[in-house]
Amino acid sequence: MPFNFHGERIAIPAKQTGHCAKRLGARMPAPHLFASLVICLLFLASCQLAPPQAPEWETEINLPIINKRFAMQEIIADEEDFYSDQNGLVHFASEAQLDSFYVGERLAE
């Protein structure tokens, strides 16, 4: 038997058919179904999709060009400011003329 909008059963005469009979026999959806639909619509309406962005990445590629070991003595052999002592320690020494200044000149700044 069909139901009315209040969930009560109603009798439909046998000769009444077609669209009107379907409307009279329609039933209201259950309250939890309606609430679920409202919640889903609110959830979908609140979603904001960010515009797509191209991915970015940085890579570091190391390609071995030669397979040789270098000693520090070989590297500093042509340098004037570096020298190595008898223990193998590398030292840096540089001689240069420095400009002289007096404290009295700097106190006013």
N, C-alpha and C. Protein backbone atom coordinates (compact mmCIF):
# COMPACT_ATOMS: atom_id res chain seq x y z
N MET A 1 0.83 -1.18 0.00
CA MET A 1 0.00 0.00 0.00
C MET A 1 0.88 1.25 0.00
N PRO A 2 0.41 2.30 -0.63
CA PRO A 2 1.16 3.56 -0.63
C PRO A 2 0.99 4.30 0.69
N PHE A 3 1.90 5.25 0.92
CA PHE A 3 1.91 6.04 2.14
C PHE A 3 1.73 7.51 1.79
N ASN A 4 1.18 8.28 2.74
CA ASN A 4 1.07 9.72 2.53
C ASN A 4 2.32 10.40 3.09
N PHE A 5 2.33 11.74 3.13
CA PHE A 5 3.51 12.48 3.56
C PHE A 5 3.81 12.32 5.04
N HIS A 6 2.85 11.85 5.80
CA HIS A 6 3.04 11.65 7.23
C HIS A 6 3.42 10.22 7.55
N GLY A 7 3.60 9.40 6.55
CA GLY A 7 3.96 8.01 6.75
C GLY A 7 2.77 7.10 7.02
N GLU A 8 1.54 7.59 6.84
CA GLU A 8 0.35 6.77 7.07
C GLU A 8 -0.05 6.10 5.77
N ARG A 9 -0.57 4.92 5.89
CA ARG A 9 -1.01 4.19 4.69
C ARG A 9 -2.31 4.78 4.18
N ILE A 10 -2.38 4.88 2.86
CA ILE A 10 -3.63 5.36 2.25
C ILE A 10 -4.06 4.35 1.20
N ALA A 11 -5.35 4.33 0.98
CA ALA A 11 -5.91 3.41 -0.01
C ALA A 11 -6.11 4.16 -1.31
N ILE A 12 -5.68 3.58 -2.42
CA ILE A 12 -5.86 4.17 -3.74
C ILE A 12 -6.82 3.27 -4.49
N PRO A 13 -7.89 3.85 -5.04
CA PRO A 13 -8.82 3.01 -5.81
C PRO A 13 -8.10 2.34 -6.97
N ALA A 14 -8.56 1.18 -7.35
CA ALA A 14 -7.92 0.39 -8.39
C ALA A 14 -7.96 1.06 -9.74
N LYS A 15 -9.01 1.82 -10.04
CA LYS A 15 -9.10 2.45 -11.35
C LYS A 15 -8.22 3.69 -11.47
N GLN A 16 -7.72 4.22 -10.37
CA GLN A 16 -6.87 5.40 -10.43
C GLN A 16 -5.43 4.94 -10.69
N THR A 17 -4.93 5.27 -11.85
CA THR A 17 -3.57 4.88 -12.22
C THR A 17 -2.87 6.07 -12.85
N GLY A 18 -1.64 5.87 -13.23
CA GLY A 18 -0.91 6.92 -13.93
C GLY A 18 -0.14 7.81 -12.97
N HIS A 19 0.09 9.03 -13.41
CA HIS A 19 0.95 9.97 -12.69
C HIS A 19 0.38 10.35 -11.33
N CYS A 20 -0.91 10.56 -11.23
CA CYS A 20 -1.53 10.95 -9.96
C CYS A 20 -1.37 9.85 -8.92
N ALA A 21 -1.48 8.63 -9.33
CA ALA A 21 -1.34 7.52 -8.38
C ALA A 21 0.07 7.47 -7.84
N LYS A 22 1.04 7.76 -8.67
CA LYS A 22 2.43 7.75 -8.20
C LYS A 22 2.67 8.88 -7.20
N ARG A 23 2.06 10.05 -7.47
CA ARG A 23 2.24 11.17 -6.56
C ARG A 23 1.59 10.91 -5.22
N LEU A 24 0.42 10.33 -5.22
CA LEU A 24 -0.26 10.03 -3.96
C LEU A 24 0.45 8.94 -3.19
N GLY A 25 1.12 8.05 -3.88
CA GLY A 25 1.81 6.96 -3.21
C GLY A 25 3.23 7.30 -2.81
N ALA A 26 3.69 8.51 -3.12
CA ALA A 26 5.07 8.88 -2.79
C ALA A 26 5.24 9.00 -1.29
N ARG A 27 6.41 8.75 -0.84
CA ARG A 27 6.71 8.78 0.59
C ARG A 27 7.84 9.75 0.86
N MET A 28 7.79 10.47 1.96
CA MET A 28 8.87 11.39 2.32
C MET A 28 10.11 10.59 2.67
N PRO A 29 11.26 11.07 2.27
CA PRO A 29 12.48 10.36 2.66
C PRO A 29 12.68 10.42 4.17
N ALA A 30 13.39 9.47 4.68
CA ALA A 30 13.64 9.40 6.12
C ALA A 30 14.43 10.63 6.56
N PRO A 31 14.22 11.10 7.79
CA PRO A 31 14.92 12.30 8.28
C PRO A 31 16.44 12.17 8.25
N HIS A 32 16.96 10.99 8.53
CA HIS A 32 18.42 10.84 8.54
C HIS A 32 18.99 10.93 7.12
N LEU A 33 18.21 10.53 6.12
CA LEU A 33 18.65 10.65 4.73
C LEU A 33 18.72 12.13 4.34
N PHE A 34 17.72 12.89 4.74
CA PHE A 34 17.70 14.32 4.45
C PHE A 34 18.86 15.03 5.16
N ALA A 35 19.10 14.69 6.41
CA ALA A 35 20.20 15.30 7.16
C ALA A 35 21.54 14.95 6.53
N SER A 36 21.70 13.72 6.09
CA SER A 36 22.94 13.30 5.44
C SER A 36 23.17 14.08 4.15
N LEU A 37 22.10 14.29 3.40
CA LEU A 37 22.21 15.05 2.16
C LEU A 37 22.61 16.50 2.43
N VAL A 38 22.03 17.11 3.45
CA VAL A 38 22.38 18.49 3.81
C VAL A 38 23.83 18.58 4.24
N ILE A 39 24.28 17.64 5.05
CA ILE A 39 25.68 17.65 5.51
C ILE A 39 26.63 17.49 4.33
N CYS A 40 26.33 16.58 3.42
CA CYS A 40 27.18 16.38 2.24
C CYS A 40 27.23 17.63 1.38
N LEU A 41 26.09 18.28 1.19
CA LEU A 41 26.07 19.50 0.38
C LEU A 41 26.87 20.62 1.04
N LEU A 42 26.75 20.76 2.36
CA LEU A 42 27.53 21.78 3.06
C LEU A 42 29.02 21.48 2.98
N PHE A 43 29.38 20.23 3.10
CA PHE A 43 30.79 19.84 3.02
C PHE A 43 31.36 20.13 1.64
N LEU A 44 30.62 19.78 0.61
CA LEU A 44 31.09 20.01 -0.75
C LEU A 44 31.13 21.50 -1.09
N ALA A 45 30.21 22.28 -0.53
CA ALA A 45 30.20 23.71 -0.80
C ALA A 45 31.36 24.42 -0.11
N SER A 46 31.87 23.85 0.97
CA SER A 46 32.97 24.50 1.69
C SER A 46 34.33 24.15 1.13
N CYS A 47 34.43 23.20 0.26
CA CYS A 47 35.72 22.81 -0.32
C CYS A 47 36.19 23.87 -1.30
N GLN A 48 37.45 24.20 -1.20
CA GLN A 48 38.06 25.13 -2.15
C GLN A 48 39.25 24.43 -2.78
N LEU A 49 39.23 24.34 -4.06
CA LEU A 49 40.32 23.68 -4.76
C LEU A 49 41.35 24.72 -5.17
N ALA A 50 42.59 24.47 -4.80
CA ALA A 50 43.68 25.37 -5.18
C ALA A 50 44.03 25.13 -6.65
N PRO A 51 44.43 26.17 -7.34
CA PRO A 51 44.82 25.98 -8.74
C PRO A 51 46.05 25.08 -8.82
N PRO A 52 46.12 24.25 -9.82
CA PRO A 52 47.27 23.34 -9.93
C PRO A 52 48.56 24.11 -10.20
N GLN A 53 49.64 23.62 -9.63
CA GLN A 53 50.95 24.23 -9.82
C GLN A 53 51.91 23.18 -10.35
N ALA A 54 52.81 23.62 -11.18
CA ALA A 54 53.82 22.71 -11.71
C ALA A 54 54.78 22.33 -10.59
N PRO A 55 55.22 21.09 -10.56
CA PRO A 55 56.15 20.67 -9.51
C PRO A 55 57.52 21.31 -9.71
N GLU A 56 58.22 21.54 -8.60
CA GLU A 56 59.56 22.09 -8.64
C GLU A 56 60.49 21.20 -7.85
N TRP A 57 61.71 21.05 -8.32
CA TRP A 57 62.68 20.28 -7.59
C TRP A 57 64.07 20.70 -8.01
N GLU A 58 65.03 20.43 -7.14
CA GLU A 58 66.43 20.71 -7.42
C GLU A 58 67.19 19.41 -7.30
N THR A 59 68.07 19.18 -8.24
CA THR A 59 68.88 17.97 -8.19
C THR A 59 70.35 18.34 -8.23
N GLU A 60 71.14 17.54 -7.59
CA GLU A 60 72.58 17.72 -7.61
C GLU A 60 73.17 16.48 -8.27
N ILE A 61 73.86 16.70 -9.36
CA ILE A 61 74.43 15.58 -10.11
C ILE A 61 75.95 15.66 -10.01
N ASN A 62 76.55 14.59 -9.55
CA ASN A 62 78.01 14.50 -9.48
C ASN A 62 78.46 13.47 -10.50
N LEU A 63 79.27 13.92 -11.42
CA LEU A 63 79.82 13.01 -12.43
C LEU A 63 81.32 12.88 -12.20
N PRO A 64 81.80 11.67 -11.98
CA PRO A 64 83.25 11.51 -11.81
C PRO A 64 83.96 11.71 -13.16
N ILE A 65 84.88 12.66 -13.19
CA ILE A 65 85.61 12.94 -14.42
C ILE A 65 86.94 12.21 -14.43
N ILE A 66 87.63 12.25 -13.29
CA ILE A 66 88.90 11.53 -13.20
C ILE A 66 88.93 10.75 -11.90
N ASN A 67 89.77 9.78 -11.85
CA ASN A 67 89.94 8.97 -10.65
C ASN A 67 91.40 9.10 -10.22
N LYS A 68 91.72 10.19 -9.51
CA LYS A 68 93.09 10.45 -9.09
C LYS A 68 93.06 11.11 -7.74
N ARG A 69 94.02 10.82 -6.93
CA ARG A 69 94.17 11.46 -5.62
C ARG A 69 95.22 12.56 -5.74
N PHE A 70 94.93 13.66 -5.08
CA PHE A 70 95.86 14.79 -5.08
C PHE A 70 96.39 14.97 -3.67
N ALA A 71 97.69 15.13 -3.54
CA ALA A 71 98.31 15.43 -2.25
C ALA A 71 98.36 16.95 -2.09
N MET A 72 98.27 17.41 -0.86
CA MET A 72 98.30 18.85 -0.62
C MET A 72 99.63 19.46 -1.08
N GLN A 73 100.71 18.71 -0.96
CA GLN A 73 102.00 19.23 -1.40
C GLN A 73 101.99 19.51 -2.91
N GLU A 74 101.28 18.69 -3.67
CA GLU A 74 101.17 18.93 -5.12
C GLU A 74 100.34 20.18 -5.39
N ILE A 75 99.29 20.38 -4.63
CA ILE A 75 98.40 21.51 -4.86
C ILE A 75 99.08 22.82 -4.50
N ILE A 76 99.82 22.85 -3.38
CA ILE A 76 100.43 24.10 -2.93
C ILE A 76 101.82 24.33 -3.50
N ALA A 77 102.30 23.46 -4.32
CA ALA A 77 103.66 23.60 -4.85
C ALA A 77 103.84 24.91 -5.61
N ASP A 78 102.83 25.36 -6.33
CA ASP A 78 102.94 26.58 -7.13
C ASP A 78 102.48 27.83 -6.39
N GLU A 79 102.04 27.71 -5.17
CA GLU A 79 101.52 28.85 -4.41
C GLU A 79 102.64 29.47 -3.58
N GLU A 80 102.67 30.79 -3.51
CA GLU A 80 103.70 31.48 -2.73
C GLU A 80 103.32 31.60 -1.26
N ASP A 81 102.02 31.73 -0.96
CA ASP A 81 101.59 31.99 0.41
C ASP A 81 101.43 30.72 1.24
N PHE A 82 101.46 29.56 0.64
CA PHE A 82 101.33 28.29 1.35
C PHE A 82 102.67 27.57 1.35
N TYR A 83 102.97 26.92 2.47
CA TYR A 83 104.18 26.08 2.52
C TYR A 83 103.92 24.92 3.46
N SER A 84 104.71 23.89 3.31
CA SER A 84 104.58 22.68 4.12
C SER A 84 105.86 22.49 4.91
N ASP A 85 105.73 22.12 6.19
CA ASP A 85 106.92 21.87 7.00
C ASP A 85 107.31 20.39 6.94
N GLN A 86 108.35 19.98 7.72
CA GLN A 86 108.84 18.60 7.68
C GLN A 86 107.84 17.60 8.24
N ASN A 87 106.85 18.05 9.04
CA ASN A 87 105.82 17.15 9.57
C ASN A 87 104.65 16.96 8.61
N GLY A 88 104.63 17.68 7.50
CA GLY A 88 103.55 17.57 6.53
C GLY A 88 102.41 18.55 6.77
N LEU A 89 102.56 19.44 7.75
CA LEU A 89 101.53 20.43 8.02
C LEU A 89 101.62 21.56 7.00
N VAL A 90 100.46 22.02 6.54
CA VAL A 90 100.41 23.11 5.57
C VAL A 90 100.15 24.41 6.33
N HIS A 91 100.94 25.43 6.00
CA HIS A 91 100.84 26.73 6.66
C HIS A 91 100.55 27.79 5.61
N PHE A 92 99.91 28.87 6.07
CA PHE A 92 99.65 30.02 5.22
C PHE A 92 100.38 31.21 5.82
N ALA A 93 101.17 31.88 5.01
CA ALA A 93 101.88 33.07 5.46
C ALA A 93 101.88 34.07 4.33
N SER A 94 101.57 35.31 4.67
CA SER A 94 101.51 36.35 3.66
C SER A 94 102.12 37.62 4.23
N GLU A 95 102.92 38.28 3.42
CA GLU A 95 103.51 39.54 3.83
C GLU A 95 102.92 40.64 2.96
N ALA A 96 102.45 41.69 3.63
CA ALA A 96 101.89 42.82 2.90
C ALA A 96 102.04 44.08 3.74
N GLN A 97 102.12 45.21 3.08
CA GLN A 97 102.20 46.50 3.77
C GLN A 97 100.79 46.93 4.14
N LEU A 98 100.54 47.16 5.43
CA LEU A 98 99.23 47.58 5.90
C LEU A 98 99.21 49.09 6.08
N ASP A 99 98.08 49.69 5.82
CA ASP A 99 97.93 51.12 6.05
C ASP A 99 97.85 51.37 7.55
N SER A 100 98.56 52.40 8.00
CA SER A 100 98.52 52.71 9.42
C SER A 100 97.42 53.72 9.70
N PHE A 101 96.84 53.62 10.89
CA PHE A 101 95.84 54.59 11.31
C PHE A 101 95.99 54.80 12.81
N TYR A 102 95.48 55.89 13.27
CA TYR A 102 95.61 56.23 14.67
C TYR A 102 94.23 56.22 15.32
N VAL A 103 94.20 55.92 16.60
CA VAL A 103 92.95 55.82 17.33
C VAL A 103 92.23 57.16 17.35
N GLY A 104 92.95 58.21 17.43
CA GLY A 104 92.35 59.54 17.48
C GLY A 104 91.49 59.83 16.26
N GLU A 105 91.87 59.29 15.13
CA GLU A 105 91.09 59.49 13.91
C GLU A 105 89.75 58.74 13.98
N ARG A 106 89.72 57.62 14.65
CA ARG A 106 88.53 56.75 14.69
C ARG A 106 87.56 57.10 15.83
N LEU A 107 88.00 57.88 16.81
CA LEU A 107 87.13 58.20 17.95
C LEU A 107 85.96 59.09 17.56
N ALA A 108 86.12 59.91 16.58
CA ALA A 108 85.06 60.85 16.19
C ALA A 108 83.96 60.16 15.38
N GLU A 109 84.19 58.99 14.87
CA GLU A 109 83.20 58.32 14.01
C GLU A 109 82.09 57.69 14.77
